[in-house]
PDB file of N, CA and C in Angstrom:
ATOM      1  N   LEU A   1       1.428-143.144  -4.580  1.00  0.00           N
ATOM      2  CA  LEU A   1       2.060-142.000  -5.226  1.00  0.00           C
ATOM      3  C   LEU A   1       3.280-142.496  -6.007  1.00  0.00           C
ATOM      4  N   THR A   2       3.282-142.256  -7.297  1.00  0.00           N
ATOM      5  CA  THR A   2       4.407-142.699  -8.109  1.00  0.00           C
ATOM      6  C   THR A   2       5.599-141.769  -7.910  1.00  0.00           C
ATOM      7  N   SER A   3       6.746-142.264  -8.283  1.00  0.00           N
ATOM      8  CA  SER A   3       7.955-141.448  -8.207  1.00  0.00           C
ATOM      9  C   SER A   3       7.818-140.218  -9.097  1.00  0.00           C
ATOM     10  N   LEU A   4       7.208-140.403 -10.288  1.00  0.00           N
ATOM     11  CA  LEU A   4       7.009-139.280 -11.194  1.00  0.00           C
ATOM     12  C   LEU A   4       6.095-138.236 -10.567  1.00  0.00           C
ATOM     13  N   GLN A   5       4.977-138.671  -9.986  1.00  0.00           N
ATOM     14  CA  GLN A   5       4.061-137.712  -9.362  1.00  0.00           C
ATOM     15  C   GLN A   5       4.733-137.012  -8.192  1.00  0.00           C
ATOM     16  N   ALA A   6       5.540-137.731  -7.428  1.00  0.00           N
ATOM     17  CA  ALA A   6       6.268-137.116  -6.315  1.00  0.00           C
ATOM     18  C   ALA A   6       7.218-136.034  -6.829  1.00  0.00           C
ATOM     19  N   SER A   7       7.855-136.283  -7.973  1.00  0.00           N
ATOM     20  CA  SER A   7       8.754-135.288  -8.558  1.00  0.00           C
ATOM     21  C   SER A   7       7.980-134.058  -9.012  1.00  0.00           C
ATOM     22  N   VAL A   8       6.843-134.278  -9.665  1.00  0.00           N
ATOM     23  CA  VAL A   8       5.985-133.169 -10.103  1.00  0.00           C
ATOM     24  C   VAL A   8       5.557-132.349  -8.889  1.00  0.00           C
ATOM     25  N   ASP A   9       5.107-133.034  -7.842  1.00  0.00           N
ATOM     26  CA  ASP A   9       4.655-132.351  -6.632  1.00  0.00           C
ATOM     27  C   ASP A   9       5.789-131.550  -5.994  1.00  0.00           C
ATOM     28  N   THR A  10       6.994-132.099  -6.005  1.00  0.00           N
ATOM     29  CA  THR A  10       8.145-131.422  -5.414  1.00  0.00           C
ATOM     30  C   THR A  10       8.494-130.149  -6.177  1.00  0.00           C
ATOM     31  N   VAL A  11       8.502-130.216  -7.498  1.00  0.00           N
ATOM     32  CA  VAL A  11       8.791-129.025  -8.303  1.00  0.00           C
ATOM     33  C   VAL A  11       7.713-127.969  -8.073  1.00  0.00           C
ATOM     34  N   ALA A  12       6.453-128.375  -8.091  1.00  0.00           N
ATOM     35  CA  ALA A  12       5.353-127.427  -7.880  1.00  0.00           C
ATOM     36  C   ALA A  12       5.414-126.815  -6.487  1.00  0.00           C
ATOM     37  N   ALA A  13       5.789-127.600  -5.494  1.00  0.00           N
ATOM     38  CA  ALA A  13       5.915-127.086  -4.133  1.00  0.00           C
ATOM     39  C   ALA A  13       7.022-126.040  -4.047  1.00  0.00           C
ATOM     40  N   ALA A  14       8.118-126.267  -4.768  1.00  0.00           N
ATOM     41  CA  ALA A  14       9.211-125.286  -4.784  1.00  0.00           C
ATOM     42  C   ALA A  14       8.731-123.973  -5.384  1.00  0.00           C
ATOM     43  N   LEU A  15       7.913-124.060  -6.434  1.00  0.00           N
ATOM     44  CA  LEU A  15       7.364-122.842  -7.034  1.00  0.00           C
ATOM     45  C   LEU A  15       6.460-122.127  -6.029  1.00  0.00           C
ATOM     46  N   ALA A  16       5.570-122.885  -5.378  1.00  0.00           N
ATOM     47  CA  ALA A  16       4.653-122.291  -4.401  1.00  0.00           C
ATOM     48  C   ALA A  16       5.422-121.650  -3.259  1.00  0.00           C
ATOM     49  N   PHE A  17       6.435-122.353  -2.759  1.00  0.00           N
ATOM     50  CA  PHE A  17       7.234-121.832  -1.647  1.00  0.00           C
ATOM     51  C   PHE A  17       7.909-120.515  -2.017  1.00  0.00           C
ATOM     52  N   ASN A  18       8.319-120.408  -3.275  1.00  0.00           N
ATOM     53  CA  ASN A  18       9.000-119.200  -3.747  1.00  0.00           C
ATOM     54  C   ASN A  18       8.042-118.181  -4.360  1.00  0.00           C
ATOM     55  N   SER A  19       6.748-118.393  -4.148  1.00  0.00           N
ATOM     56  CA  SER A  19       5.694-117.482  -4.626  1.00  0.00           C
ATOM     57  C   SER A  19       5.761-117.244  -6.132  1.00  0.00           C
ATOM     58  N   LEU A  20       6.037-118.322  -6.859  1.00  0.00           N
ATOM     59  CA  LEU A  20       6.097-118.244  -8.321  1.00  0.00           C
ATOM     60  C   LEU A  20       4.882-118.933  -8.918  1.00  0.00           C
ATOM     61  N   THR A  21       4.306-118.328  -9.943  1.00  0.00           N
ATOM     62  CA  THR A  21       3.262-118.996 -10.705  1.00  0.00           C
ATOM     63  C   THR A  21       3.919-120.086 -11.543  1.00  0.00           C
ATOM     64  N   ILE A  22       3.091-120.924 -12.150  1.00  0.00           N
ATOM     65  CA  ILE A  22       3.632-121.963 -13.019  1.00  0.00           C
ATOM     66  C   ILE A  22       4.405-121.325 -14.173  1.00  0.00           C
ATOM     67  N   ALA A  23       3.870-120.237 -14.741  1.00  0.00           N
ATOM     68  CA  ALA A  23       4.556-119.551 -15.855  1.00  0.00           C
ATOM     69  C   ALA A  23       5.873-118.931 -15.393  1.00  0.00           C
ATOM     70  N   GLU A  24       5.864-118.303 -14.230  1.00  0.00           N
ATOM     71  CA  GLU A  24       7.107-117.715 -13.705  1.00  0.00           C
ATOM     72  C   GLU A  24       8.119-118.804 -13.387  1.00  0.00           C
ATOM     73  N   GLY A  25       7.635-119.945 -12.925  1.00  0.00           N
ATOM     74  CA  GLY A  25       8.516-121.073 -12.637  1.00  0.00           C
ATOM     75  C   GLY A  25       9.202-121.589 -13.890  1.00  0.00           C
ATOM     76  N   TYR A  26       8.470-121.603 -14.988  1.00  0.00           N
ATOM     77  CA  TYR A  26       9.063-122.037 -16.264  1.00  0.00           C
ATOM     78  C   TYR A  26      10.254-121.138 -16.597  1.00  0.00           C
ATOM     79  N   ASP A  27      10.041-119.830 -16.489  1.00  0.00           N
ATOM     80  CA  ASP A  27      11.128-118.883 -16.775  1.00  0.00           C
ATOM     81  C   ASP A  27      12.289-119.061 -15.799  1.00  0.00           C
ATOM     82  N   ALA A  28      11.969-119.314 -14.529  1.00  0.00           N
ATOM     83  CA  ALA A  28      13.024-119.506 -13.522  1.00  0.00           C
ATOM     84  C   ALA A  28      13.824-120.776 -13.793  1.00  0.00           C
ATOM     85  N   PHE A  29      13.167-121.829 -14.275  1.00  0.00           N
ATOM     86  CA  PHE A  29      13.855-123.086 -14.560  1.00  0.00           C
ATOM     87  C   PHE A  29      14.629-123.026 -15.874  1.00  0.00           C
ATOM     88  N   ASP A  30      14.344-122.045 -16.718  1.00  0.00           N
ATOM     89  CA  ASP A  30      15.074-121.869 -17.983  1.00  0.00           C
ATOM     90  C   ASP A  30      16.413-121.210 -17.664  1.00  0.00           C
ATOM     91  N   ASP A  31      17.321-122.004 -17.156  1.00  0.00           N
ATOM     92  CA  ASP A  31      18.595-121.520 -16.612  1.00  0.00           C
ATOM     93  C   ASP A  31      19.405-120.699 -17.613  1.00  0.00           C
ATOM     94  N   ASP A  32      19.439-121.120 -18.874  1.00  0.00           N
ATOM     95  CA  ASP A  32      20.241-120.387 -19.864  1.00  0.00           C
ATOM     96  C   ASP A  32      19.424-119.332 -20.614  1.00  0.00           C
ATOM     97  N   GLN A  33      18.178-119.164 -20.199  1.00  0.00           N
ATOM     98  CA  GLN A  33      17.307-118.113 -20.751  1.00  0.00           C
ATOM     99  C   GLN A  33      17.173-118.160 -22.273  1.00  0.00           C
ATOM    100  N   ASP A  34      17.076-119.381 -22.819  1.00  0.00           N
ATOM    101  CA  ASP A  34      16.906-119.494 -24.276  1.00  0.00           C
ATOM    102  C   ASP A  34      15.453-119.710 -24.675  1.00  0.00           C
ATOM    103  N   GLY A  35      14.544-119.616 -23.709  1.00  0.00           N
ATOM    104  CA  GLY A  35      13.115-119.717 -24.003  1.00  0.00           C
ATOM    105  C   GLY A  35      12.519-121.102 -23.873  1.00  0.00           C
ATOM    106  N   VAL A  36      13.346-122.099 -23.593  1.00  0.00           N
ATOM    107  CA  VAL A  36      12.862-123.465 -23.382  1.00  0.00           C
ATOM    108  C   VAL A  36      13.596-124.082 -22.189  1.00  0.00           C
ATOM    109  N   VAL A  37      12.955-125.058 -21.561  1.00  0.00           N
ATOM    110  CA  VAL A  37      13.588-125.772 -20.453  1.00  0.00           C
ATOM    111  C   VAL A  37      14.160-127.075 -21.008  1.00  0.00           C
ATOM    112  N   SER A  38      15.478-127.144 -21.015  1.00  0.00           N
ATOM    113  CA  SER A  38      16.183-128.347 -21.479  1.00  0.00           C
ATOM    114  C   SER A  38      16.449-129.257 -20.281  1.00  0.00           C
ATOM    115  N   LEU A  39      16.950-130.434 -20.558  1.00  0.00           N
ATOM    116  CA  LEU A  39      17.323-131.342 -19.468  1.00  0.00           C
ATOM    117  C   LEU A  39      18.369-130.674 -18.587  1.00  0.00           C
ATOM    118  N   ARG A  40      19.346-130.014 -19.196  1.00  0.00           N
ATOM    119  CA  ARG A  40      20.381-129.338 -18.413  1.00  0.00           C
ATOM    120  C   ARG A  40      19.778-128.251 -17.528  1.00  0.00           C
ATOM    121  N   ASP A  41      18.814-127.502 -18.069  1.00  0.00           N
ATOM    122  CA  ASP A  41      18.132-126.474 -17.267  1.00  0.00           C
ATOM    123  C   ASP A  41      17.437-127.104 -16.059  1.00  0.00           C
ATOM    124  N   LEU A  42      16.715-128.193 -16.323  1.00  0.00           N
ATOM    125  CA  LEU A  42      15.983-128.861 -15.241  1.00  0.00           C
ATOM    126  C   LEU A  42      16.948-129.388 -14.190  1.00  0.00           C
ATOM    127  N   GLN A  43      18.029-130.019 -14.631  1.00  0.00           N
ATOM    128  CA  GLN A  43      19.026-130.542 -13.688  1.00  0.00           C
ATOM    129  C   GLN A  43      19.632-129.422 -12.856  1.00  0.00           C
ATOM    130  N   ALA A  44      19.945-128.295 -13.481  1.00  0.00           N
ATOM    131  CA  ALA A  44      20.539-127.161 -12.760  1.00  0.00           C
ATOM    132  C   ALA A  44      19.569-126.614 -11.719  1.00  0.00           C
ATOM    133  N   ALA A  45      18.301-126.504 -12.077  1.00  0.00           N
ATOM    134  CA  ALA A  45      17.308-125.978 -11.136  1.00  0.00           C
ATOM    135  C   ALA A  45      17.081-126.935  -9.976  1.00  0.00           C
ATOM    136  N   VAL A  46      17.030-128.222 -10.258  1.00  0.00           N
ATOM    137  CA  VAL A  46      16.849-129.223  -9.201  1.00  0.00           C
ATOM    138  C   VAL A  46      17.991-129.129  -8.182  1.00  0.00           C
ATOM    139  N   LEU A  47      19.212-128.957  -8.682  1.00  0.00           N
ATOM    140  CA  LEU A  47      20.363-128.815  -7.785  1.00  0.00           C
ATOM    141  C   LEU A  47      20.326-127.493  -7.031  1.00  0.00           C
ATOM    142  N   ALA A  48      20.064-126.402  -7.739  1.00  0.00           N
ATOM    143  CA  ALA A  48      20.078-125.072  -7.121  1.00  0.00           C
ATOM    144  C   ALA A  48      19.009-124.948  -6.041  1.00  0.00           C
ATOM    145  N   LEU A  49      17.858-125.555  -6.279  1.00  0.00           N
ATOM    146  CA  LEU A  49      16.757-125.463  -5.314  1.00  0.00           C
ATOM    147  C   LEU A  49      16.795-126.570  -4.270  1.00  0.00           C
ATOM    148  N   GLN A  50      17.793-127.439  -4.365  1.00  0.00           N
ATOM    149  CA  GLN A  50      17.967-128.546  -3.425  1.00  0.00           C
ATOM    150  C   GLN A  50      16.681-129.355  -3.283  1.00  0.00           C
ATOM    151  N   LEU A  51      16.143-129.776  -4.426  1.00  0.00           N
ATOM    152  CA  LEU A  51      14.881-130.506  -4.435  1.00  0.00           C
ATOM    153  C   LEU A  51      15.036-131.982  -4.077  1.00  0.00           C
ATOM    154  N   ASN A  52      16.260-132.446  -3.990  1.00  0.00           N
ATOM    155  CA  ASN A  52      16.546-133.831  -3.600  1.00  0.00           C
ATOM    156  C   ASN A  52      15.877-134.852  -4.517  1.00  0.00           C
ATOM    157  N   LEU A  53      15.863-134.559  -5.818  1.00  0.00           N
ATOM    158  CA  LEU A  53      15.401-135.540  -6.795  1.00  0.00           C
ATOM    159  C   LEU A  53      16.625-136.277  -7.325  1.00  0.00           C
ATOM    160  N   SER A  54      16.502-137.582  -7.463  1.00  0.00           N
ATOM    161  CA  SER A  54      17.614-138.357  -8.010  1.00  0.00           C
ATOM    162  C   SER A  54      17.785-138.012  -9.489  1.00  0.00           C
ATOM    163  N   ASP A  55      18.942-138.375 -10.023  1.00  0.00           N
ATOM    164  CA  ASP A  55      19.170-138.171 -11.461  1.00  0.00           C
ATOM    165  C   ASP A  55      18.112-138.915 -12.271  1.00  0.00           C
ATOM    166  N   ALA A  56      17.777-140.127 -11.829  1.00  0.00           N
ATOM    167  CA  ALA A  56      16.781-140.925 -12.543  1.00  0.00           C
ATOM    168  C   ALA A  56      15.405-140.264 -12.494  1.00  0.00           C
ATOM    169  N   ASP A  57      15.032-139.725 -11.328  1.00  0.00           N
ATOM    170  CA  ASP A  57      13.735-139.050 -11.206  1.00  0.00           C
ATOM    171  C   ASP A  57      13.698-137.762 -12.028  1.00  0.00           C
ATOM    172  N   THR A  58      14.804-137.043 -12.057  1.00  0.00           N
ATOM    173  CA  THR A  58      14.878-135.817 -12.858  1.00  0.00           C
ATOM    174  C   THR A  58      14.745-136.156 -14.341  1.00  0.00           C
ATOM    175  N   LEU A  59      15.427-137.199 -14.777  1.00  0.00           N
ATOM    176  CA  LEU A  59      15.334-137.628 -16.167  1.00  0.00           C
ATOM    177  C   LEU A  59      13.914-138.106 -16.494  1.00  0.00           C
ATOM    178  N   ALA A  60      13.290-138.847 -15.593  1.00  0.00           N
ATOM    179  CA  ALA A  60      11.923-139.323 -15.822  1.00  0.00           C
ATOM    180  C   ALA A  60      10.951-138.147 -15.926  1.00  0.00           C
ATOM    181  N   LEU A  61      11.146-137.150 -15.091  1.00  0.00           N
ATOM    182  CA  LEU A  61      10.307-135.955 -15.140  1.00  0.00           C
ATOM    183  C   LEU A  61      10.481-135.238 -16.477  1.00  0.00           C
ATOM    184  N   PHE A  62      11.727-135.077 -16.886  1.00  0.00           N
ATOM    185  CA  PHE A  62      12.008-134.429 -18.168  1.00  0.00           C
ATOM    186  C   PHE A  62      11.390-135.218 -19.325  1.00  0.00           C
ATOM    187  N   THR A  63      11.590-136.521 -19.319  1.00  0.00           N
ATOM    188  CA  THR A  63      11.067-137.375 -20.390  1.00  0.00           C
ATOM    189  C   THR A  63       9.543-137.289 -20.443  1.00  0.00           C
ATOM    190  N   HIS A  64       8.905-137.245 -19.291  1.00  0.00           N
ATOM    191  CA  HIS A  64       7.442-137.147 -19.232  1.00  0.00           C
ATOM    192  C   HIS A  64       6.951-135.833 -19.847  1.00  0.00           C
ATOM    193  N   MET A  65       7.665-134.746 -19.595  1.00  0.00           N
ATOM    194  CA  MET A  65       7.203-133.432 -20.040  1.00  0.00           C
ATOM    195  C   MET A  65       7.714-133.025 -21.413  1.00  0.00           C
ATOM    196  N   SER A  66       8.748-133.682 -21.927  1.00  0.00           N
ATOM    197  CA  SER A  66       9.323-133.242 -23.202  1.00  0.00           C
ATOM    198  C   SER A  66       8.979-134.221 -24.315  1.00  0.00           C
ATOM    199  N   SER A  67       8.715-133.666 -25.478  1.00  0.00           N
ATOM    200  CA  SER A  67       8.505-134.518 -26.644  1.00  0.00           C
ATOM    201  C   SER A  67       9.391-134.058 -27.796  1.00  0.00           C
ATOM    202  N   THR A  68      10.053-132.942 -27.603  1.00  0.00           N
ATOM    203  CA  THR A  68      10.859-132.354 -28.681  1.00  0.00           C
ATOM    204  C   THR A  68      12.280-132.055 -28.232  1.00  0.00           C
ATOM    205  N   GLY A  69      12.727-132.708 -27.156  1.00  0.00           N
ATOM    206  CA  GLY A  69      14.072-132.440 -26.661  1.00  0.00           C
ATOM    207  C   GLY A  69      14.125-131.306 -25.658  1.00  0.00           C
ATOM    208  N   HIS A  70      12.974-130.706 -25.408  1.00  0.00           N
ATOM    209  CA  HIS A  70      12.871-129.687 -24.372  1.00  0.00           C
ATOM    210  C   HIS A  70      11.429-129.662 -23.865  1.00  0.00           C
ATOM    211  N   ILE A  71      11.228-129.015 -22.741  1.00  0.00           N
ATOM    212  CA  ILE A  71       9.896-128.914 -22.153  1.00  0.00           C
ATOM    213  C   ILE A  71       9.254-127.625 -22.663  1.00  0.00           C
ATOM    214  N   THR A  72       8.098-127.750 -23.286  1.00  0.00           N
ATOM    215  CA  THR A  72       7.380-126.564 -23.742  1.00  0.00           C
ATOM    216  C   THR A  72       6.604-125.943 -22.581  1.00  0.00           C
ATOM    217  N   ARG A  73       6.238-124.692 -22.740  1.00  0.00           N
ATOM    218  CA  ARG A  73       5.425-124.026 -21.719  1.00  0.00           C
ATOM    219  C   ARG A  73       4.116-124.772 -21.492  1.00  0.00           C
ATOM    220  N   ASP A  74       3.509-125.247 -22.574  1.00  0.00           N
ATOM    221  CA  ASP A  74       2.233-125.949 -22.455  1.00  0.00           C
ATOM    222  C   ASP A  74       2.378-127.252 -21.677  1.00  0.00           C
ATOM    223  N   ALA A  75       3.430-128.016 -21.964  1.00  0.00           N
ATOM    224  CA  ALA A  75       3.653-129.280 -21.253  1.00  0.00           C
ATOM    225  C   ALA A  75       3.970-129.014 -19.785  1.00  0.00           C
ATOM    226  N   TRP A  76       4.754-127.986 -19.523  1.00  0.00           N
ATOM    227  CA  TRP A  76       5.093-127.584 -18.151  1.00  0.00           C
ATOM    228  C   TRP A  76       3.809-127.264 -17.382  1.00  0.00           C
ATOM    229  N   ALA A  77       2.974-126.419 -17.979  1.00  0.00           N
ATOM    230  CA  ALA A  77       1.742-125.996 -17.318  1.00  0.00           C
ATOM    231  C   ALA A  77       0.790-127.173 -17.121  1.00  0.00           C
ATOM    232  N   ALA A  78       0.634-127.999 -18.131  1.00  0.00           N
ATOM    233  CA  ALA A  78      -0.276-129.142 -18.042  1.00  0.00           C
ATOM    234  C   ALA A  78       0.157-130.112 -16.945  1.00  0.00           C
ATOM    235  N   THR A  79       1.442-130.352 -16.843  1.00  0.00           N
ATOM    236  CA  THR A  79       1.955-131.289 -15.843  1.00  0.00           C
ATOM    237  C   THR A  79       1.857-130.713 -14.437  1.00  0.00           C
ATOM    238  N   LEU A  80       2.311-129.487 -14.258  1.00  0.00           N
ATOM    239  CA  LEU A  80       2.364-128.921 -12.909  1.00  0.00           C
ATOM    240  C   LEU A  80       1.004-128.479 -12.385  1.00  0.00           C
ATOM    241  N   SER A  81       0.051-128.250 -13.272  1.00  0.00           N
ATOM    242  CA  SER A  81      -1.270-127.807 -12.809  1.00  0.00           C
ATOM    243  C   SER A  81      -1.997-128.898 -12.030  1.00  0.00           C
ATOM    244  N   SER A  82      -1.582-130.151 -12.184  1.00  0.00           N
ATOM    245  CA  SER A  82      -2.222-131.252 -11.459  1.00  0.00           C
ATOM    246  C   SER A  82      -1.479-131.621 -10.178  1.00  0.00           C
ATOM    247  N   ALA A  83      -0.460-130.866  -9.838  1.00  0.00           N
ATOM    248  CA  ALA A  83       0.381-131.205  -8.686  1.00  0.00           C
ATOM    249  C   ALA A  83      -0.345-130.972  -7.363  1.00  0.00           C
ATOM    250  N   GLN A  84       0.030-131.784  -6.392  1.00  0.00           N
ATOM    251  CA  GLN A  84      -0.457-131.653  -5.016  1.00  0.00           C
ATOM    252  C   GLN A  84       0.739-131.229  -4.165  1.00  0.00           C
ATOM    253  N   THR A  85       0.741-129.971  -3.744  1.00  0.00           N
ATOM    254  CA  THR A  85       1.930-129.438  -3.063  1.00  0.00           C
ATOM    255  C   THR A  85       1.862-129.493  -1.540  1.00  0.00           C
ATOM    256  N   ASP A  86       0.670-129.581  -0.985  1.00  0.00           N
ATOM    257  CA  ASP A  86       0.526-129.465   0.463  1.00  0.00           C
ATOM    258  C   ASP A  86       1.365-130.465   1.246  1.00  0.00           C
ATOM    259  N   ASP A  87       1.323-131.748   0.844  1.00  0.00           N
ATOM    260  CA  ASP A  87       2.070-132.765   1.582  1.00  0.00           C
ATOM    261  C   ASP A  87       3.574-132.534   1.515  1.00  0.00           C
ATOM    262  N   VAL A  88       4.065-132.093   0.344  1.00  0.00           N
ATOM    263  CA  VAL A  88       5.500-131.831   0.204  1.00  0.00           C
ATOM    264  C   VAL A  88       5.897-130.686   1.131  1.00  0.00           C
ATOM    265  N   LEU A  89       5.127-129.616   1.113  1.00  0.00           N
ATOM    266  CA  LEU A  89       5.451-128.463   1.954  1.00  0.00           C
ATOM    267  C   LEU A  89       5.361-128.826   3.435  1.00  0.00           C
ATOM    268  N   LYS A  90       4.322-129.543   3.813  1.00  0.00           N
ATOM    269  CA  LYS A  90       4.169-129.938   5.222  1.00  0.00           C
ATOM    270  C   LYS A  90       5.317-130.829   5.669  1.00  0.00           C
ATOM    271  N   SER A  91       5.794-131.713   4.774  1.00  0.00           N
ATOM    272  CA  SER A  91       6.899-132.603   5.129  1.00  0.00           C
ATOM    273  C   SER A  91       8.181-131.822   5.380  1.00  0.00           C
ATOM    274  N   ARG A  92       8.215-130.600   4.859  1.00  0.00           N
ATOM    275  CA  ARG A  92       9.385-129.740   5.059  1.00  0.00           C
ATOM    276  C   ARG A  92       9.107-128.638   6.068  1.00  0.00           C
ATOM    277  N   GLY A  93       7.989-128.773   6.795  1.00  0.00           N
ATOM    278  CA  GLY A  93       7.681-127.825   7.860  1.00  0.00           C
ATOM    279  C   GLY A  93       7.132-126.499   7.381  1.00  0.00           C
ATOM    280  N   VAL A  94       6.517-126.489   6.190  1.00  0.00           N
ATOM    281  CA  VAL A  94       6.019-125.239   5.620  1.00  0.00           C
ATOM    282  C   VAL A  94       4.512-125.346   5.418  1.00  0.00           C
ATOM    283  N   SER A  95       3.796-124.326   5.830  1.00  0.00           N
ATOM    284  CA  SER A  95       2.374-124.228   5.540  1.00  0.00           C
ATOM    285  C   SER A  95       2.116-122.865   4.941  1.00  0.00           C
ATOM    286  N   LEU A  96       1.667-122.847   3.697  1.00  0.00           N
ATOM    287  CA  LEU A  96       1.410-121.570   3.027  1.00  0.00           C
ATOM    288  C   LEU A  96       0.031-121.028   3.368  1.00  0.00           C
ATOM    289  N   ASP A  97      -0.805-121.827   4.045  1.00  0.00           N
ATOM    290  CA  ASP A  97      -2.151-121.398   4.385  1.00  0.00           C
ATOM    291  C   ASP A  97      -2.196-120.496   5.607  1.00  0.00           C
ATOM    292  N   SER A  98      -1.260-120.703   6.507  1.00  0.00           N
ATOM    293  CA  SER A  98      -1.291-119.923   7.745  1.00  0.00           C
ATOM    294  C   SER A  98      -0.436-118.668   7.600  1.00  0.00           C
ATOM    295  N   PRO A  99      -0.921-117.562   8.173  1.00  0.00           N
ATOM    296  CA  PRO A  99      -0.129-116.333   8.091  1.00  0.00           C
ATOM    297  C   PRO A  99       1.140-116.473   8.910  1.00  0.00           C
ATOM    298  N   PRO A 100       2.163-115.710   8.562  1.00  0.00           N
ATOM    299  CA  PRO A 100       3.407-115.790   9.342  1.00  0.00           C
ATOM    300  C   PRO A 100       3.167-115.311  10.764  1.00  0.00           C
ATOM    301  N   SER A 101       3.904-115.879  11.671  1.00  0.00           N
ATOM    302  CA  SER A 101       3.784-115.471  13.071  1.00  0.00           C
ATOM    303  C   SER A 101       4.262-114.039  13.230  1.00  0.00           C
ATOM    304  N   PRO A 102       3.533-113.267  14.039  1.00  0.00           N
ATOM    305  CA  PRO A 102       3.997-111.890  14.245  1.00  0.00           C
ATOM    306  C   PRO A 102       5.313-111.870  15.005  1.00  0.00           C
ATOM    307  N   ALA A 103       6.086-110.874  14.724  1.00  0.00           N
ATOM    308  CA  ALA A 103       7.373-110.733  15.435  1.00  0.00           C
ATOM    309  C   ALA A 103       7.060-110.395  16.889  1.00  0.00           C
ATOM    310  N   PRO A 104       7.868-110.915  17.797  1.00  0.00           N
ATOM    311  CA  PRO A 104       7.637-110.583  19.213  1.00  0.00           C
ATOM    312  C   PRO A 104       7.812-109.077  19.435  1.00  0.00           C
ATOM    313  N   ALA A 105       6.994-108.583  20.316  1.00  0.00           N
ATOM    314  CA  ALA A 105       7.077-107.144  20.627  1.00  0.00           C
ATOM    315  C   ALA A 105       8.383-106.863  21.344  1.00  0.00           C
ATOM    316  N   ALA A 106       8.934-105.735  21.017  1.00  0.00           N
ATOM    317  CA  ALA A 106      10.179-105.327  21.695  1.00  0.00           C
ATOM    318  C   ALA A 106       9.845-104.978  23.143  1.00  0.00           C
ATOM    319  N   PRO A 107      10.731-105.334  24.069  1.00  0.00           N
ATOM    320  CA  PRO A 107      10.472-105.027  25.500  1.00  0.00           C
ATOM    321  C   PRO A 107      10.535-103.538  25.770  1.00  0.00           C
TER     322      PRO A 107
END
């Protein structure tokens, strides 16, 4: 698993954990709401979501997805659609496949 793929998987896992589609995730990562995800937007989202990506990994992810100084919706979708989120979520103690445990009955 490359560092870049691990970063892609981590971002996609954050979207899955927060019940966001890839398209909704793009809008959520567009921190300044200007319609595109810039490097600053990506850096802000990585910090806000505590994704634990290094500055170098964040920059590599941005460079991989951007060709015009920002990440387009198409590049975002193409990159994240190939992500494998299960291992990232499991490593953080999360399984989206199993239903939540029922609350204990009141005595």
